[in-house]
C-alpha atoms as a PDB file:
ATOM      1  CA  MET A   1     -15.751   4.155   7.426  1.00  0.00           C
ATOM      2  CA  VAL A   2     -14.427   6.990   9.564  1.00  0.00           C
ATOM      3  CA  ASP A   3     -12.759  10.049   8.045  1.00  0.00           C
ATOM      4  CA  VAL A   4      -9.843  10.338  10.479  1.00  0.00           C
ATOM      5  CA  THR A   5      -8.743  13.691   9.074  1.00  0.00           C
ATOM      6  CA  ARG A   6     -12.182  15.146   9.760  1.00  0.00           C
ATOM      7  CA  GLU A   7     -12.225  13.695  13.284  1.00  0.00           C
ATOM      8  CA  ILE A   8      -8.784  15.106  14.078  1.00  0.00           C
ATOM      9  CA  GLY A   9      -9.998  18.405  12.673  1.00  0.00           C
ATOM     10  CA  ARG A  10     -12.849  18.279  15.167  1.00  0.00           C
ATOM     11  CA  LEU A  11     -10.341  17.809  18.025  1.00  0.00           C
ATOM     12  CA  ILE A  12      -8.425  20.828  16.772  1.00  0.00           C
ATOM     13  CA  SER A  13     -11.651  22.816  16.605  1.00  0.00           C
ATOM     14  CA  ILE A  14     -12.530  21.917  20.201  1.00  0.00           C
ATOM     15  CA  SER A  15      -9.030  22.951  21.259  1.00  0.00           C
ATOM     16  CA  LEU A  16      -9.476  26.410  19.752  1.00  0.00           C
ATOM     17  CA  HIS A  17     -12.187  27.320  22.241  1.00  0.00           C
ATOM     18  CA  TYR A  18     -11.047  25.155  25.174  1.00  0.00           C
ATOM     19  CA  HIS A  19     -10.381  26.892  28.497  1.00  0.00           C
ATOM     20  CA  PRO A  20      -9.532  24.741  31.544  1.00  0.00           C
ATOM     21  CA  GLU A  21     -11.854  26.719  33.803  1.00  0.00           C
ATOM     22  CA  ASP A  22     -14.860  26.134  31.529  1.00  0.00           C
ATOM     23  CA  GLU A  23     -16.890  22.957  31.290  1.00  0.00           C
ATOM     24  CA  ILE A  24     -16.636  21.130  27.971  1.00  0.00           C
ATOM     25  CA  ASP A  25     -19.884  20.806  26.062  1.00  0.00           C
ATOM     26  CA  PRO A  26     -21.414  17.337  26.676  1.00  0.00           C
ATOM     27  CA  SER A  27     -21.444  16.465  22.960  1.00  0.00           C
ATOM     28  CA  GLU A  28     -17.757  17.392  22.670  1.00  0.00           C
ATOM     29  CA  ARG A  29     -16.947  15.401  25.814  1.00  0.00           C
ATOM     30  CA  GLN A  30     -18.730  12.386  24.306  1.00  0.00           C
ATOM     31  CA  PHE A  31     -16.836  12.811  21.030  1.00  0.00           C
ATOM     32  CA  ILE A  32     -13.495  12.970  22.870  1.00  0.00           C
ATOM     33  CA  HIS A  33     -14.393   9.814  24.800  1.00  0.00           C
ATOM     34  CA  ARG A  34     -15.456   7.867  21.708  1.00  0.00           C
ATOM     35  CA  PHE A  35     -12.545   9.090  19.614  1.00  0.00           C
ATOM     36  CA  GLY A  36     -10.135   8.044  22.363  1.00  0.00           C
ATOM     37  CA  TRP A  37     -11.684   4.567  22.482  1.00  0.00           C
ATOM     38  CA  GLY A  38     -11.441   4.335  18.710  1.00  0.00           C
ATOM     39  CA  VAL A  39      -7.765   5.258  18.638  1.00  0.00           C
ATOM     40  CA  ILE A  40      -7.019   2.751  21.400  1.00  0.00           C
ATOM     41  CA  ALA A  41      -8.998  -0.015  19.667  1.00  0.00           C
ATOM     42  CA  VAL A  42      -7.381   0.525  16.278  1.00  0.00           C
ATOM     43  CA  ALA A  43      -3.830   1.531  17.171  1.00  0.00           C
ATOM     44  CA  GLY A  44      -3.212   0.410  20.752  1.00  0.00           C
ATOM     45  CA  PRO A  45      -2.983   2.101  24.150  1.00  0.00           C
ATOM     46  CA  LYS A  46       0.113   4.211  23.433  1.00  0.00           C
ATOM     47  CA  MET A  47      -1.192   5.840  20.276  1.00  0.00           C
ATOM     48  CA  PRO A  48      -3.533   8.400  21.899  1.00  0.00           C
ATOM     49  CA  PHE A  49      -0.543   9.908  23.707  1.00  0.00           C
ATOM     50  CA  SER A  50       1.584   9.906  20.553  1.00  0.00           C
ATOM     51  CA  LEU A  51      -1.254  11.682  18.750  1.00  0.00           C
ATOM     52  CA  ILE A  52      -1.462  14.298  21.512  1.00  0.00           C
ATOM     53  CA  ASP A  53       2.320  14.818  21.408  1.00  0.00           C
ATOM     54  CA  ASP A  54       2.305  15.189  17.618  1.00  0.00           C
ATOM     55  CA  MET A  55      -0.593  17.647  17.657  1.00  0.00           C
ATOM     56  CA  LEU A  56       1.022  19.647  20.457  1.00  0.00           C
ATOM     57  CA  GLU A  57       4.407  19.705  18.730  1.00  0.00           C
ATOM     58  CA  SER A  58       2.831  20.992  15.512  1.00  0.00           C
ATOM     59  CA  LYS A  59       0.866  23.554  17.554  1.00  0.00           C
ATOM     60  CA  GLU A  60      -2.487  22.206  16.378  1.00  0.00           C
ATOM     61  CA  ILE A  61      -3.743  22.065  19.967  1.00  0.00           C
ATOM     62  CA  ASN A  62      -2.920  24.170  22.990  1.00  0.00           C
ATOM     63  CA  PRO A  63      -1.064  22.788  26.051  1.00  0.00           C
ATOM     64  CA  ALA A  64      -4.128  23.034  28.311  1.00  0.00           C
ATOM     65  CA  PHE A  65      -6.228  20.973  25.921  1.00  0.00           C
ATOM     66  CA  ALA A  66      -3.369  18.482  25.527  1.00  0.00           C
ATOM     67  CA  ALA A  67      -3.341  18.036  29.314  1.00  0.00           C
ATOM     68  CA  TYR A  68      -7.121  17.543  29.311  1.00  0.00           C
ATOM     69  CA  LEU A  69      -6.915  14.892  26.544  1.00  0.00           C
ATOM     70  CA  ARG A  70      -4.018  13.143  28.285  1.00  0.00           C
ATOM     71  CA  ALA A  71      -6.021  12.881  31.524  1.00  0.00           C
ATOM     72  CA  ARG A  72      -9.223  11.685  29.839  1.00  0.00           C
ATOM     73  CA  TRP A  73      -7.499   9.160  27.618  1.00  0.00           C
ATOM     74  CA  ALA A  74      -5.291   7.896  30.464  1.00  0.00           C
ATOM     75  CA  GLU A  75      -8.531   6.901  32.195  1.00  0.00           C
ATOM     76  CA  LEU A  76      -9.571   4.934  29.101  1.00  0.00           C
ATOM     77  CA  VAL A  77      -6.186   3.209  28.847  1.00  0.00           C
ATOM     78  CA  ALA A  78      -6.407   2.296  32.542  1.00  0.00           C
ATOM     79  CA  GLU A  79      -9.784   0.671  31.902  1.00  0.00           C
ATOM     80  CA  CYS A  80      -8.133  -1.514  29.239  1.00  0.00           C
ATOM     81  CA  ALA A  81      -5.398  -2.757  31.578  1.00  0.00           C
END
């Protein structure tokens, strides 16, 4: 069983030190990829974007990281189509 709260907390943690000009750590990039696939598999292809919007609206993630997630997860959704 996956602790979703902990996993979302990890996304928030990554966001805190994310800078668009820096490369994301490979383990964090892998986590983002797998978490995105998990959200899509469990909740459907629109849910990752709703999650990003909710986290952005509540200021849990910064706009630059939201844009990064949106781009990465859009690639995953496209693979599902």
